[in-house]
Amino acid sequence: MVDRAVTDVELERLLAEDLPAARVSEIESKATTADRARLDELRAENQAFLAHVDVAAEVRAIGRRMEKLAPEPRKLATWWRWMFAGGALAAAAAALLIIVRRPDQTVEDDIGVKGGDVALIIHTEHRQLASGDTVQPGERIRFEINAGRRGYVAIIGIDGAGAQTVYFPFNGTQPAAIDPSVDRILPGAVKLDATPGDERFFALYSEQPFILDTVLPALRGAKLPAGVASAEVVLHKQTN
């Protein structure tokens, strides 16, 4: 197993200059060779992504939408600080909200999320995606979560052959705890394989811990358990 002492989330925040000075010093002193190599990978991914994104334009567009929602000042300040930091979370400025869906509610498309709702945001190194977009095998995608409160999240994919994969936490049996005010971009990236057909990506979210096995049937038509919300993005994979 690779010797890591620092999580991807903290490395992302380090790049975004969003950690207290004391924590930065602590990370620098305890970071392993594997941590430093991963930091270089994340920095390269972020630079490649931002090179193809008009961040200023995306920030202005998101700002206009957020003004309509009148969020709490404290949350707004945190969001803007992350976007203008110029590191990993600046990519969030260019991310596109795809589909928001919760039990017994119609689809809505907005950046605002309240209560137990969840939104799944997805992007590649070079572009932002909308549900129904075509992607190529080998492209790397990253996930971002928008939720109204702290909670527990898992990302599941079902490919064109019907195979199901837990992408976050990878191969996990339980969701991971997140604080959406700071951990919106999930660690790591997924490299798309060559399986043809549409691939469906689901974000599962709850304010309370849950067991994935009790929720997975809902991805194939069953009803979501009480307290669990989902968001879905469908991408078409071009293989020829």
Protein backbone atom coordinates (compact mmCIF):
# COMPACT_ATOMS: atom_id res chain seq x y z
CA MET A 1 0.00 0.00 0.00
CA VAL A 2 1.26 3.49 -0.84
CA ASP A 3 2.51 5.36 2.24
CA ARG A 4 0.32 8.47 2.47
CA ALA A 5 -0.01 10.78 5.46
CA VAL A 6 -2.14 13.52 3.89
CA THR A 7 -5.53 13.13 2.20
CA ASP A 8 -6.29 14.38 -1.31
CA VAL A 9 -8.82 16.81 0.15
CA GLU A 10 -6.15 18.52 2.24
CA LEU A 11 -3.72 18.54 -0.68
CA GLU A 12 -6.41 20.25 -2.78
CA ARG A 13 -6.92 22.82 -0.03
CA LEU A 14 -3.17 23.31 0.21
CA LEU A 15 -3.06 24.13 -3.51
CA ALA A 16 -5.98 26.51 -3.04
CA GLU A 17 -4.18 28.23 -0.13
CA ASP A 18 -7.21 27.59 2.05
CA LEU A 19 -5.49 25.96 5.02
CA PRO A 20 -4.38 27.72 8.22
CA ALA A 21 -0.67 28.45 8.38
CA ALA A 22 -0.21 26.04 11.27
CA ARG A 23 -1.77 23.19 9.29
CA VAL A 24 0.36 24.01 6.23
CA SER A 25 3.50 23.75 8.36
CA GLU A 26 2.31 20.46 9.82
CA ILE A 27 1.62 19.00 6.37
CA GLU A 28 4.99 20.14 5.04
CA SER A 29 6.76 18.47 7.96
CA LYS A 30 4.93 15.13 7.82
CA ALA A 31 4.26 14.75 4.07
CA THR A 32 5.71 11.56 2.63
CA THR A 33 7.33 11.10 -0.76
CA ALA A 34 4.02 9.67 -1.99
CA ASP A 35 2.17 12.75 -0.69
CA ARG A 36 4.54 15.09 -2.53
CA ALA A 37 4.20 13.09 -5.73
CA ARG A 38 0.41 13.22 -5.44
CA LEU A 39 0.56 16.98 -4.83
CA ASP A 40 2.51 17.39 -8.08
CA GLU A 41 -0.12 15.30 -9.91
CA LEU A 42 -2.98 17.40 -8.56
CA ARG A 43 -1.17 20.63 -9.42
CA ALA A 44 -0.64 19.45 -13.01
CA GLU A 45 -4.29 18.37 -13.34
CA ASN A 46 -5.53 21.71 -12.04
CA GLN A 47 -3.26 23.71 -14.33
CA ALA A 48 -4.31 21.65 -17.36
CA PHE A 49 -7.98 22.15 -16.54
CA LEU A 50 -7.76 25.88 -15.85
CA ALA A 51 -5.80 26.45 -19.05
CA HIS A 52 -8.97 25.64 -21.00
CA VAL A 53 -11.50 27.47 -18.82
CA ASP A 54 -12.51 31.14 -18.74
CA VAL A 55 -12.68 31.21 -14.95
CA ALA A 56 -13.59 34.89 -14.73
CA ALA A 57 -16.62 34.43 -16.98
CA GLU A 58 -17.77 31.37 -15.04
CA VAL A 59 -17.34 33.17 -11.71
CA ARG A 60 -19.48 36.05 -12.95
CA ALA A 61 -22.19 33.66 -14.15
CA ILE A 62 -22.25 31.76 -10.86
CA GLY A 63 -22.23 35.04 -8.94
CA ARG A 64 -25.36 36.20 -10.74
CA ARG A 65 -27.14 32.98 -9.85
CA MET A 66 -26.00 33.11 -6.23
CA GLU A 67 -27.26 36.68 -5.85
CA LYS A 68 -30.75 35.44 -6.68
CA LEU A 69 -30.51 32.82 -3.95
CA ALA A 70 -29.31 35.28 -1.27
CA PRO A 71 -27.17 32.71 0.61
CA GLU A 72 -25.91 33.28 4.11
CA PRO A 73 -22.94 35.69 4.11
CA ARG A 74 -20.60 33.23 5.79
CA LYS A 75 -21.21 30.50 3.24
CA LEU A 76 -20.87 32.95 0.36
CA ALA A 77 -17.50 34.15 1.66
CA THR A 78 -16.20 30.60 1.90
CA TRP A 79 -17.35 29.78 -1.66
CA TRP A 80 -15.72 32.88 -3.20
CA ARG A 81 -12.48 32.38 -1.29
CA TRP A 82 -12.12 28.89 -2.74
CA MET A 83 -12.86 30.00 -6.28
CA PHE A 84 -10.47 32.92 -6.34
CA ALA A 85 -7.64 30.97 -4.71
CA GLY A 86 -6.50 29.86 -8.16
CA GLY A 87 -5.92 26.24 -7.19
CA ALA A 88 -8.05 23.12 -7.35
CA LEU A 89 -11.27 24.74 -6.19
CA ALA A 90 -11.02 27.43 -8.85
CA ALA A 91 -12.10 24.67 -11.20
CA ALA A 92 -15.43 24.73 -9.41
CA ALA A 93 -16.08 28.11 -10.99
CA ALA A 94 -16.27 26.39 -14.36
CA ALA A 95 -18.19 23.34 -13.27
CA LEU A 96 -21.69 22.85 -14.61
CA LEU A 97 -24.61 21.74 -12.51
CA ILE A 98 -26.11 18.82 -14.41
CA ILE A 99 -29.17 17.26 -12.76
CA VAL A 100 -30.63 17.57 -9.27
CA ARG A 101 -33.11 14.96 -8.16
CA ARG A 102 -34.52 13.98 -4.79
CA PRO A 103 -37.21 11.48 -3.85
CA ASP A 104 -40.73 12.40 -5.01
CA GLN A 105 -39.60 15.61 -6.70
CA THR A 106 -39.18 16.67 -10.31
CA VAL A 107 -35.81 17.59 -11.77
CA GLU A 108 -34.53 21.11 -11.18
CA ASP A 109 -31.45 22.85 -12.53
CA ASP A 110 -29.95 25.37 -10.16
CA ILE A 111 -26.83 25.85 -8.11
CA GLY A 112 -28.84 26.38 -4.94
CA VAL A 113 -29.27 23.33 -2.74
CA LYS A 114 -31.26 23.30 0.47
CA GLY A 115 -31.74 20.81 3.25
CA GLY A 116 -31.39 17.21 2.14
CA ASP A 117 -30.96 17.96 -1.59
CA VAL A 118 -27.82 17.12 -3.54
CA ALA A 119 -26.35 18.22 -6.87
CA LEU A 120 -23.77 16.35 -8.93
CA ILE A 121 -21.31 18.48 -10.88
CA ILE A 122 -18.91 16.91 -13.36
CA HIS A 123 -16.04 18.19 -15.46
CA THR A 124 -12.99 17.03 -17.42
CA GLU A 125 -9.57 18.59 -17.78
CA HIS A 126 -10.68 20.46 -20.89
CA ARG A 127 -14.39 21.16 -20.69
CA GLN A 128 -17.55 21.17 -18.68
CA LEU A 129 -20.16 18.53 -19.40
CA ALA A 130 -23.92 18.46 -19.66
CA SER A 131 -26.01 15.35 -19.24
CA GLY A 132 -26.15 13.63 -22.63
CA ASP A 133 -22.74 14.88 -23.76
CA THR A 134 -20.38 12.55 -25.60
CA VAL A 135 -17.07 11.59 -24.01
CA GLN A 136 -14.10 9.58 -25.24
CA PRO A 137 -12.50 6.51 -23.66
CA GLY A 138 -9.40 7.62 -21.80
CA GLU A 139 -10.83 10.99 -20.76
CA ARG A 140 -10.46 11.77 -17.07
CA ILE A 141 -13.44 13.13 -15.19
CA ARG A 142 -13.78 14.59 -11.72
CA PHE A 143 -16.82 14.88 -9.49
CA GLU A 144 -18.05 17.75 -7.38
CA ILE A 145 -20.87 17.65 -4.86
CA ASN A 146 -23.15 20.46 -3.79
CA ALA A 147 -25.28 19.77 -0.74
CA GLY A 148 -27.02 22.00 1.76
CA ARG A 149 -25.43 20.49 4.85
CA ARG A 150 -22.67 18.20 6.02
CA GLY A 151 -23.47 14.60 5.30
CA TYR A 152 -22.42 11.37 3.62
CA VAL A 153 -21.85 10.88 -0.11
CA ALA A 154 -21.09 8.08 -2.55
CA ILE A 155 -20.61 8.23 -6.34
CA ILE A 156 -21.78 5.21 -8.33
CA GLY A 157 -21.41 4.50 -12.04
CA ILE A 158 -23.36 2.06 -14.21
CA ASP A 159 -21.77 1.54 -17.63
CA GLY A 160 -23.30 0.51 -20.94
CA ALA A 161 -22.87 -3.17 -20.11
CA GLY A 162 -24.72 -2.77 -16.82
CA ALA A 163 -21.60 -3.11 -14.66
CA GLN A 164 -21.78 -1.10 -11.46
CA THR A 165 -18.77 0.64 -9.87
CA VAL A 166 -18.43 2.60 -6.65
CA TYR A 167 -16.16 5.47 -7.69
CA PHE A 168 -16.22 7.33 -4.38
CA PRO A 169 -15.17 6.15 -1.94
CA PHE A 170 -13.57 3.75 -4.42
CA ASN A 171 -15.03 0.25 -4.03
CA GLY A 172 -16.48 1.34 -0.70
CA THR A 173 -19.46 -0.19 1.08
CA GLN A 174 -20.41 2.97 2.96
CA PRO A 175 -20.52 6.63 1.89
CA ALA A 176 -17.80 9.07 2.89
CA ALA A 177 -18.41 11.97 5.24
CA ILE A 178 -18.10 15.38 3.56
CA ASP A 179 -18.47 19.02 4.47
CA PRO A 180 -19.73 20.62 1.23
CA SER A 181 -18.54 24.05 2.32
CA VAL A 182 -14.92 22.88 1.92
CA ASP A 183 -14.89 19.41 0.31
CA ARG A 184 -17.03 19.95 -2.79
CA ILE A 185 -14.50 18.64 -5.31
CA LEU A 186 -13.97 14.99 -4.48
CA PRO A 187 -10.41 13.63 -4.48
CA GLY A 188 -9.04 11.75 -7.45
CA ALA A 189 -10.12 11.41 -11.06
CA VAL A 190 -11.77 8.61 -13.04
CA LYS A 191 -10.32 7.49 -16.38
CA LEU A 192 -13.13 6.36 -18.66
CA ASP A 193 -12.77 2.88 -20.11
CA ALA A 194 -13.81 1.67 -23.58
CA THR A 195 -17.13 0.05 -22.65
CA PRO A 196 -19.60 1.36 -25.27
CA GLY A 197 -22.93 2.98 -24.55
CA ASP A 198 -24.25 5.45 -22.01
CA GLU A 199 -22.70 5.56 -18.56
CA ARG A 200 -24.88 6.82 -15.74
CA PHE A 201 -23.29 8.48 -12.74
CA PHE A 202 -25.18 8.86 -9.47
CA ALA A 203 -24.44 10.88 -6.37
CA LEU A 204 -26.11 9.46 -3.27
CA TYR A 205 -26.35 11.75 -0.26
CA SER A 206 -27.80 11.69 3.21
CA GLU A 207 -27.29 13.72 6.35
CA GLN A 208 -26.97 10.40 8.21
CA PRO A 209 -24.69 7.39 7.49
CA PHE A 210 -26.21 4.63 5.34
CA ILE A 211 -25.22 1.28 3.87
CA LEU A 212 -24.77 1.34 0.11
CA ASP A 213 -26.32 -2.10 -0.37
CA THR A 214 -29.62 -0.73 0.92
CA VAL A 215 -29.61 2.11 -1.63
CA LEU A 216 -28.13 0.58 -4.79
CA PRO A 217 -31.42 -1.06 -5.93
CA ALA A 218 -32.84 2.46 -6.32
CA LEU A 219 -30.36 3.10 -9.14
CA ARG A 220 -32.18 0.46 -11.18
CA GLY A 221 -35.72 1.64 -10.54
CA ALA A 222 -36.51 0.92 -6.89
CA LYS A 223 -37.55 3.66 -4.48
CA LEU A 224 -34.88 5.55 -2.58
CA PRO A 225 -34.85 4.96 1.18
CA ALA A 226 -36.15 7.80 3.31
CA GLY A 227 -33.56 10.48 3.95
CA VAL A 228 -31.39 9.64 0.92
CA ALA A 229 -31.26 11.99 -2.08
CA SER A 230 -29.70 11.34 -5.47
CA ALA A 231 -28.42 13.26 -8.49
CA GLU A 232 -27.79 11.68 -11.89
CA VAL A 233 -25.58 12.53 -14.88
CA VAL A 234 -25.73 10.50 -18.11
CA LEU A 235 -22.76 10.56 -20.51
CA HIS A 236 -22.55 8.89 -23.92
CA LYS A 237 -19.25 7.13 -24.54
CA GLN A 238 -18.01 7.22 -28.13
CA THR A 239 -15.89 4.18 -28.92
CA ASN A 240 -15.44 4.40 -32.70
